[in-house]
């Protein structure tokens, strides 16, 4: 459920001068993009890299939480374009939520998830040991499991 709130990107486009057609190897394209980003004093994205080759065009995309880098080449027009998409604050948070952050953020998210599971398990164990709360614990577990399954079916 999105509630109609969309993130936005500020796009900046640069035309690159290349003497020969771009190679189709990801590592070579990555080194070209790294060189261009270093020339512009921009940090490297930490997300996934994608390469699409269709007919006469090549699109290299490197995603990150704060910005995306797109390198487009069209053989028919001999034009190479570097597009830098800076994420707005909402898009940045949305990208972190969809696991496009760096490895440190992913490790932090795993620790938080494990911590929440430990809190849930210890809470259930403590409530189960007190006879006064045992029936409430069973009802809560049944209701929570039913609601969780219902949410899975709806999504």
Protein backbone atom coordinates (compact mmCIF):
# COMPACT_ATOMS: atom_id res chain seq x y z
CA UNK A 1 0.00 0.00 0.00
CA UNK A 2 1.57 3.27 -1.12
CA UNK A 3 -1.00 5.87 0.00
CA UNK A 4 -0.19 7.89 -3.12
CA UNK A 5 3.05 9.34 -1.73
CA UNK A 6 5.80 9.22 -4.35
CA UNK A 7 9.47 10.02 -4.03
CA UNK A 8 11.24 12.12 -6.60
CA UNK A 9 14.65 12.34 -8.26
CA UNK A 10 16.56 15.39 -9.47
CA UNK A 11 18.11 14.38 -12.78
CA UNK A 12 21.33 15.85 -14.12
CA UNK A 13 22.53 14.84 -17.55
CA UNK A 14 26.06 15.05 -18.97
CA UNK A 15 27.15 14.36 -22.52
CA UNK A 16 30.36 12.31 -22.68
CA UNK A 17 33.00 12.36 -25.36
CA UNK A 18 34.01 8.85 -26.40
CA UNK A 19 36.23 7.98 -29.35
CA UNK A 20 35.01 4.42 -29.78
CA UNK A 21 31.79 2.55 -28.98
CA UNK A 22 31.31 1.57 -25.35
CA UNK A 23 32.30 -1.98 -24.41
CA UNK A 24 29.67 -4.46 -23.28
CA UNK A 25 31.54 -5.71 -20.21
CA UNK A 26 30.14 -4.60 -16.87
CA UNK A 27 33.53 -4.10 -15.19
CA UNK A 28 34.82 -1.89 -18.01
CA UNK A 29 31.65 0.22 -17.95
CA UNK A 30 31.88 0.41 -14.16
CA UNK A 31 35.42 1.78 -14.39
CA UNK A 32 34.27 4.41 -16.92
CA UNK A 33 31.46 5.50 -14.59
CA UNK A 34 33.81 5.54 -11.56
CA UNK A 35 36.21 7.79 -13.46
CA UNK A 36 33.40 10.19 -14.42
CA UNK A 37 32.01 10.27 -10.86
CA UNK A 38 35.47 10.96 -9.44
CA UNK A 39 35.86 13.84 -11.92
CA UNK A 40 32.60 15.29 -10.57
CA UNK A 41 33.46 14.58 -6.87
CA UNK A 42 30.45 12.28 -6.39
CA UNK A 43 30.33 9.20 -4.20
CA UNK A 44 29.86 5.78 -5.73
CA UNK A 45 26.48 4.06 -5.44
CA UNK A 46 26.46 0.96 -3.25
CA UNK A 47 23.59 -0.90 -4.87
CA UNK A 48 23.13 -3.33 -7.73
CA UNK A 49 24.46 -2.94 -11.26
CA UNK A 50 22.37 -3.72 -14.33
CA UNK A 51 23.31 -3.79 -18.02
CA UNK A 52 20.74 -3.84 -20.83
CA UNK A 53 21.68 -4.14 -24.48
CA UNK A 54 18.93 -3.72 -27.05
CA UNK A 55 19.51 -3.34 -30.79
CA UNK A 56 21.72 -0.23 -31.11
CA UNK A 57 21.51 1.00 -27.53
CA UNK A 58 23.34 0.15 -24.33
CA UNK A 59 22.07 1.14 -20.86
CA UNK A 60 24.27 0.68 -17.79
CA UNK A 61 22.48 1.40 -14.50
CA UNK A 62 24.07 1.53 -11.03
CA UNK A 63 21.58 1.98 -8.21
CA UNK A 64 22.21 3.35 -4.76
CA UNK A 65 20.21 4.67 -1.84
CA UNK A 66 21.06 8.34 -2.36
CA UNK A 67 21.58 8.43 -6.13
CA UNK A 68 21.35 6.32 -9.28
CA UNK A 69 23.80 6.47 -12.17
CA UNK A 70 22.70 5.69 -15.73
CA UNK A 71 25.08 5.51 -18.67
CA UNK A 72 23.30 5.41 -22.02
CA UNK A 73 24.89 4.86 -25.38
CA UNK A 74 23.14 4.85 -28.76
CA UNK A 75 25.24 3.51 -31.65
CA UNK A 76 23.00 5.03 -34.30
CA UNK A 77 23.52 8.60 -32.99
CA UNK A 78 27.02 8.00 -31.51
CA UNK A 79 25.85 9.81 -28.36
CA UNK A 80 26.83 8.78 -24.83
CA UNK A 81 24.98 10.28 -21.90
CA UNK A 82 25.65 10.07 -18.16
CA UNK A 83 22.53 10.67 -16.05
CA UNK A 84 22.80 11.22 -12.30
CA UNK A 85 19.54 10.93 -10.36
CA UNK A 86 19.73 12.43 -6.86
CA UNK A 87 17.03 10.99 -4.57
CA UNK A 88 14.76 13.19 -2.46
CA UNK A 89 14.57 12.46 1.27
CA UNK A 90 11.47 10.28 0.84
CA UNK A 91 13.05 8.38 -2.07
CA UNK A 92 16.21 7.89 -0.01
CA UNK A 93 14.22 6.34 2.86
CA UNK A 94 12.21 4.26 0.40
CA UNK A 95 15.44 2.98 -1.18
CA UNK A 96 16.79 2.00 2.24
CA UNK A 97 13.52 0.20 2.93
CA UNK A 98 13.81 -1.77 -0.32
CA UNK A 99 17.35 -2.89 0.60
CA UNK A 100 19.29 -0.61 -1.71
CA UNK A 101 21.46 0.68 1.11
CA UNK A 102 25.05 -0.24 1.80
CA UNK A 103 26.26 -3.31 3.67
CA UNK A 104 26.49 -1.48 7.01
CA UNK A 105 22.80 -0.53 6.83
CA UNK A 106 21.87 -4.11 5.89
CA UNK A 107 23.77 -5.48 8.91
CA UNK A 108 22.03 -2.91 11.15
CA UNK A 109 18.64 -3.97 9.75
CA UNK A 110 19.45 -7.63 10.48
CA UNK A 111 20.41 -6.80 14.09
CA UNK A 112 17.19 -4.83 14.56
CA UNK A 113 15.13 -7.72 13.14
CA UNK A 114 16.83 -10.23 15.41
CA UNK A 115 16.28 -7.90 18.37
CA UNK A 116 12.55 -7.64 17.62
CA UNK A 117 12.26 -11.43 17.35
CA UNK A 118 14.04 -11.83 20.71
CA UNK A 119 11.65 -9.31 22.28
CA UNK A 120 8.67 -11.21 20.87
CA UNK A 121 9.89 -14.61 22.08
CA UNK A 122 10.84 -13.42 25.57
CA UNK A 123 7.52 -11.57 25.89
CA UNK A 124 5.59 -14.70 24.97
CA UNK A 125 7.65 -16.80 27.40
CA UNK A 126 7.12 -14.36 30.27
CA UNK A 127 3.37 -14.08 29.62
CA UNK A 128 3.05 -17.87 29.27
CA UNK A 129 4.60 -18.47 32.72
CA UNK A 130 2.05 -16.28 34.50
CA UNK A 131 -1.25 -18.21 34.70
CA UNK A 132 -3.24 -14.96 34.79
CA UNK A 133 -1.97 -13.97 31.30
CA UNK A 134 -1.85 -17.42 29.69
CA UNK A 135 -5.32 -17.24 28.06
CA UNK A 136 -4.67 -13.67 26.87
CA UNK A 137 -1.36 -14.86 25.38
CA UNK A 138 -3.08 -17.68 23.48
CA UNK A 139 -5.80 -15.34 22.17
CA UNK A 140 -3.21 -12.74 21.15
CA UNK A 141 -1.10 -15.34 19.34
CA UNK A 142 -4.13 -16.67 17.45
CA UNK A 143 -5.34 -13.18 16.57
CA UNK A 144 -1.85 -12.03 15.52
CA UNK A 145 -1.26 -15.14 13.38
CA UNK A 146 -4.68 -14.77 11.73
CA UNK A 147 -4.10 -11.08 11.02
CA UNK A 148 -0.63 -11.85 9.63
CA UNK A 149 -2.01 -14.53 7.28
CA UNK A 150 -4.79 -12.16 6.20
CA UNK A 151 -2.22 -9.46 5.40
CA UNK A 152 -0.20 -11.97 3.35
CA UNK A 153 -3.29 -13.00 1.38
CA UNK A 154 -4.22 -9.36 0.69
CA UNK A 155 -0.76 -8.46 -0.53
